[in-house]
C-alpha atoms as a PDB file:
ATOM      1  CA  MET A   1      89.221  64.904  96.962  1.00  0.00           C
ATOM      2  CA  SER A   2      86.253  65.845  98.486  1.00  0.00           C
ATOM      3  CA  GLY A   3      86.171  69.495  98.341  1.00  0.00           C
ATOM      4  CA  VAL A   4      88.492  70.442 101.786  1.00  0.00           C
ATOM      5  CA  VAL A   5      91.856  71.269 100.250  1.00  0.00           C
ATOM      6  CA  LYS A   6      94.589  68.818 102.221  1.00  0.00           C
ATOM      7  CA  LYS A   7      97.854  70.248 103.371  1.00  0.00           C
ATOM      8  CA  ILE A   8     100.877  68.648 103.226  1.00  0.00           C
ATOM      9  CA  LEU A   9     103.786  69.457 105.063  1.00  0.00           C
ATOM     10  CA  ILE A  10     107.339  69.152 103.508  1.00  0.00           C
ATOM     11  CA  VAL A  11     110.269  68.981 105.878  1.00  0.00           C
ATOM     12  CA  GLU A  12     113.572  68.759 103.332  1.00  0.00           C
ATOM     13  CA  ASP A  13     116.133  70.527 103.593  1.00  0.00           C
ATOM     14  CA  ASP A  14     117.059  71.343  99.988  1.00  0.00           C
ATOM     15  CA  THR A  15     115.332  74.020  98.903  1.00  0.00           C
ATOM     16  CA  PHE A  16     115.451  73.208  95.665  1.00  0.00           C
ATOM     17  CA  ILE A  17     113.630  70.112  95.535  1.00  0.00           C
ATOM     18  CA  SER A  18     111.453  71.579  98.146  1.00  0.00           C
ATOM     19  CA  SER A  19     110.256  73.780  95.992  1.00  0.00           C
ATOM     20  CA  LEU A  20     109.790  71.258  92.969  1.00  0.00           C
ATOM     21  CA  VAL A  21     107.707  69.100  94.964  1.00  0.00           C
ATOM     22  CA  LYS A  22     105.677  71.843  96.939  1.00  0.00           C
ATOM     23  CA  ALA A  23     104.773  73.280  93.336  1.00  0.00           C
ATOM     24  CA  ARG A  24     103.874  69.825  92.192  1.00  0.00           C
ATOM     25  CA  LEU A  25     101.895  69.326  94.960  1.00  0.00           C
ATOM     26  CA  GLU A  26      99.884  72.757  94.439  1.00  0.00           C
ATOM     27  CA  LYS A  27      99.613  71.952  90.876  1.00  0.00           C
ATOM     28  CA  GLU A  28      97.195  69.037  92.254  1.00  0.00           C
ATOM     29  CA  GLY A  29      95.047  71.288  94.563  1.00  0.00           C
ATOM     30  CA  PHE A  30      96.695  70.427  97.368  1.00  0.00           C
ATOM     31  CA  GLU A  31      97.742  73.176 100.301  1.00  0.00           C
ATOM     32  CA  VAL A  32     101.658  72.928 100.884  1.00  0.00           C
ATOM     33  CA  VAL A  33     103.542  73.698 104.135  1.00  0.00           C
ATOM     34  CA  GLN A  34     107.439  73.771 103.884  1.00  0.00           C
ATOM     35  CA  ALA A  35     109.812  73.526 106.939  1.00  0.00           C
ATOM     36  CA  PHE A  36     113.567  73.550 106.412  1.00  0.00           C
ATOM     37  CA  ASP A  37     114.974  71.617 109.397  1.00  0.00           C
ATOM     38  CA  GLY A  38     113.599  68.690 111.469  1.00  0.00           C
ATOM     39  CA  GLU A  39     112.990  71.360 114.501  1.00  0.00           C
ATOM     40  CA  GLU A  40     111.026  73.672 111.935  1.00  0.00           C
ATOM     41  CA  GLY A  41     108.922  70.732 111.031  1.00  0.00           C
ATOM     42  CA  LEU A  42     108.415  69.703 114.342  1.00  0.00           C
ATOM     43  CA  ARG A  43     106.857  73.184 115.297  1.00  0.00           C
ATOM     44  CA  LEU A  44     105.323  73.791 112.057  1.00  0.00           C
ATOM     45  CA  LEU A  45     103.610  69.876 112.354  1.00  0.00           C
ATOM     46  CA  LYS A  46     101.681  71.293 115.655  1.00  0.00           C
ATOM     47  CA  ALA A  47     100.463  74.554 114.199  1.00  0.00           C
ATOM     48  CA  GLU A  48      99.589  73.234 110.862  1.00  0.00           C
ATOM     49  CA  LYS A  49      98.104  69.869 111.660  1.00  0.00           C
ATOM     50  CA  PRO A  50      99.024  68.471 108.140  1.00  0.00           C
ATOM     51  CA  ASP A  51      97.609  65.298 106.324  1.00  0.00           C
ATOM     52  CA  LEU A  52     100.586  63.717 104.987  1.00  0.00           C
ATOM     53  CA  ILE A  53     104.263  64.442 105.769  1.00  0.00           C
ATOM     54  CA  ILE A  54     106.980  64.436 103.188  1.00  0.00           C
ATOM     55  CA  LEU A  55     110.319  64.003 104.899  1.00  0.00           C
ATOM     56  CA  ASP A  56     114.276  64.038 104.629  1.00  0.00           C
ATOM     57  CA  LEU A  57     115.969  62.229 107.285  1.00  0.00           C
ATOM     58  CA  ILE A  58     119.247  64.043 107.262  1.00  0.00           C
ATOM     59  CA  MET A  59     119.009  67.701 108.466  1.00  0.00           C
ATOM     60  CA  PRO A  60     120.267  70.310 110.211  1.00  0.00           C
ATOM     61  CA  LYS A  61     118.829  70.613 114.401  1.00  0.00           C
ATOM     62  CA  SER A  62     117.176  67.438 114.528  1.00  0.00           C
ATOM     63  CA  SER A  63     116.843  64.682 111.829  1.00  0.00           C
ATOM     64  CA  GLY A  64     113.938  63.006 110.241  1.00  0.00           C
ATOM     65  CA  PHE A  65     114.650  60.295 112.345  1.00  0.00           C
ATOM     66  CA  GLU A  66     114.207  62.421 115.665  1.00  0.00           C
ATOM     67  CA  LEU A  67     111.377  63.808 114.144  1.00  0.00           C
ATOM     68  CA  MET A  68     109.777  60.377 113.623  1.00  0.00           C
ATOM     69  CA  GLU A  69     110.701  59.273 116.933  1.00  0.00           C
ATOM     70  CA  GLN A  70     108.689  62.394 117.988  1.00  0.00           C
ATOM     71  CA  LEU A  71     105.472  61.537 116.361  1.00  0.00           C
ATOM     72  CA  ASN A  72     105.395  58.032 117.045  1.00  0.00           C
ATOM     73  CA  ILE A  73     105.116  59.372 120.828  1.00  0.00           C
ATOM     74  CA  ASN A  74     102.353  61.698 120.165  1.00  0.00           C
ATOM     75  CA  VAL A  75      99.108  60.112 119.620  1.00  0.00           C
ATOM     76  CA  GLU A  76      97.649  63.416 118.122  1.00  0.00           C
ATOM     77  CA  PHE A  77     100.267  62.962 114.936  1.00  0.00           C
ATOM     78  CA  ASN A  78     101.258  59.233 114.811  1.00  0.00           C
ATOM     79  CA  GLN A  79      98.328  58.274 112.199  1.00  0.00           C
ATOM     80  CA  ILE A  80      99.586  60.984 110.039  1.00  0.00           C
ATOM     81  CA  PRO A  81     100.645  59.149 106.755  1.00  0.00           C
ATOM     82  CA  LEU A  82     104.650  59.448 106.241  1.00  0.00           C
ATOM     83  CA  MET A  83     106.693  59.457 103.437  1.00  0.00           C
ATOM     84  CA  ILE A  84     110.404  59.871 103.563  1.00  0.00           C
ATOM     85  CA  LEU A  85     112.449  61.289 100.747  1.00  0.00           C
ATOM     86  CA  SER A  86     116.152  60.626 101.433  1.00  0.00           C
ATOM     87  CA  ASN A  87     119.443  60.052  99.647  1.00  0.00           C
ATOM     88  CA  LEU A  88     119.856  57.379 102.307  1.00  0.00           C
ATOM     89  CA  ALA A  89     119.675  53.902 100.439  1.00  0.00           C
ATOM     90  CA  GLN A  90     120.978  51.765 102.621  1.00  0.00           C
ATOM     91  CA  GLU A  91     118.479  48.913 103.657  1.00  0.00           C
ATOM     92  CA  SER A  92     119.080  49.435 107.266  1.00  0.00           C
ATOM     93  CA  ASP A  93     117.831  53.220 106.855  1.00  0.00           C
ATOM     94  CA  ILE A  94     114.804  52.076 105.148  1.00  0.00           C
ATOM     95  CA  GLN A  95     114.197  49.469 107.367  1.00  0.00           C
ATOM     96  CA  LYS A  96     114.368  51.877 110.520  1.00  0.00           C
ATOM     97  CA  ALA A  97     112.094  54.426 108.807  1.00  0.00           C
ATOM     98  CA  LYS A  98     109.655  51.653 108.092  1.00  0.00           C
ATOM     99  CA  ASN A  99     109.491  50.287 111.714  1.00  0.00           C
ATOM    100  CA  LEU A 100     109.350  54.075 112.894  1.00  0.00           C
ATOM    101  CA  GLY A 101     106.091  54.543 110.775  1.00  0.00           C
ATOM    102  CA  ALA A 102     107.064  55.790 106.981  1.00  0.00           C
ATOM    103  CA  ARG A 103     104.502  54.074 104.687  1.00  0.00           C
ATOM    104  CA  GLU A 104     106.532  55.043 101.130  1.00  0.00           C
ATOM    105  CA  PHE A 105     110.293  55.578 101.346  1.00  0.00           C
ATOM    106  CA  PHE A 106     111.921  57.104  98.295  1.00  0.00           C
ATOM    107  CA  ILE A 107     115.280  57.356  97.181  1.00  0.00           C
ATOM    108  CA  LYS A 108     116.246  61.152  95.917  1.00  0.00           C
ATOM    109  CA  ILE A 109     117.927  60.011  92.666  1.00  0.00           C
ATOM    110  CA  ARG A 110     115.784  56.801  92.222  1.00  0.00           C
ATOM    111  CA  THR A 111     112.679  58.782  92.046  1.00  0.00           C
ATOM    112  CA  SER A 112     110.985  61.317  90.033  1.00  0.00           C
ATOM    113  CA  ILE A 113     108.568  64.099  91.658  1.00  0.00           C
ATOM    114  CA  ASP A 114     105.775  62.485  89.964  1.00  0.00           C
ATOM    115  CA  ASP A 115     106.459  59.084  91.925  1.00  0.00           C
ATOM    116  CA  VAL A 116     105.996  61.416  94.956  1.00  0.00           C
ATOM    117  CA  VAL A 117     102.956  63.167  94.149  1.00  0.00           C
ATOM    118  CA  ALA A 118     101.103  60.059  92.739  1.00  0.00           C
ATOM    119  CA  ARG A 119     101.854  57.718  96.119  1.00  0.00           C
ATOM    120  CA  ALA A 120     100.968  61.165  97.735  1.00  0.00           C
ATOM    121  CA  LYS A 121      97.623  60.875  96.582  1.00  0.00           C
ATOM    122  CA  GLU A 122      96.975  57.336  96.926  1.00  0.00           C
ATOM    123  CA  LEU A 123      97.943  57.889 100.686  1.00  0.00           C
ATOM    124  CA  MET A 124      95.268  60.680 101.060  1.00  0.00           C
ATOM    125  CA  GLY A 125      92.793  59.065  99.322  1.00  0.00           C
END
């Protein structure tokens, strides 16, 4: 990384998973901001302007899909790389997320934190 600390927004209602991912990303030198529902995620997105978003799809207040739709209509945010980390494993959900701009889709039960961190590093150069 080029001296500038990259910022990642994790929008995940499972505090255990969110904290695990946050700890690993911070160990790699990233600044990490956490939101625990879709509404908070949108608020922090506007306030923090992250370089990458890691997003769950099933959350209280506003789903990950709803947040992605908000990202798509906002030119300030629709270029931010987006990774999904979800329990949804249906091909239709994966395709919907990719159609809404997800660059990567990780299924929680089949994914290691190391895979998420490695892909985050790739997406941010």
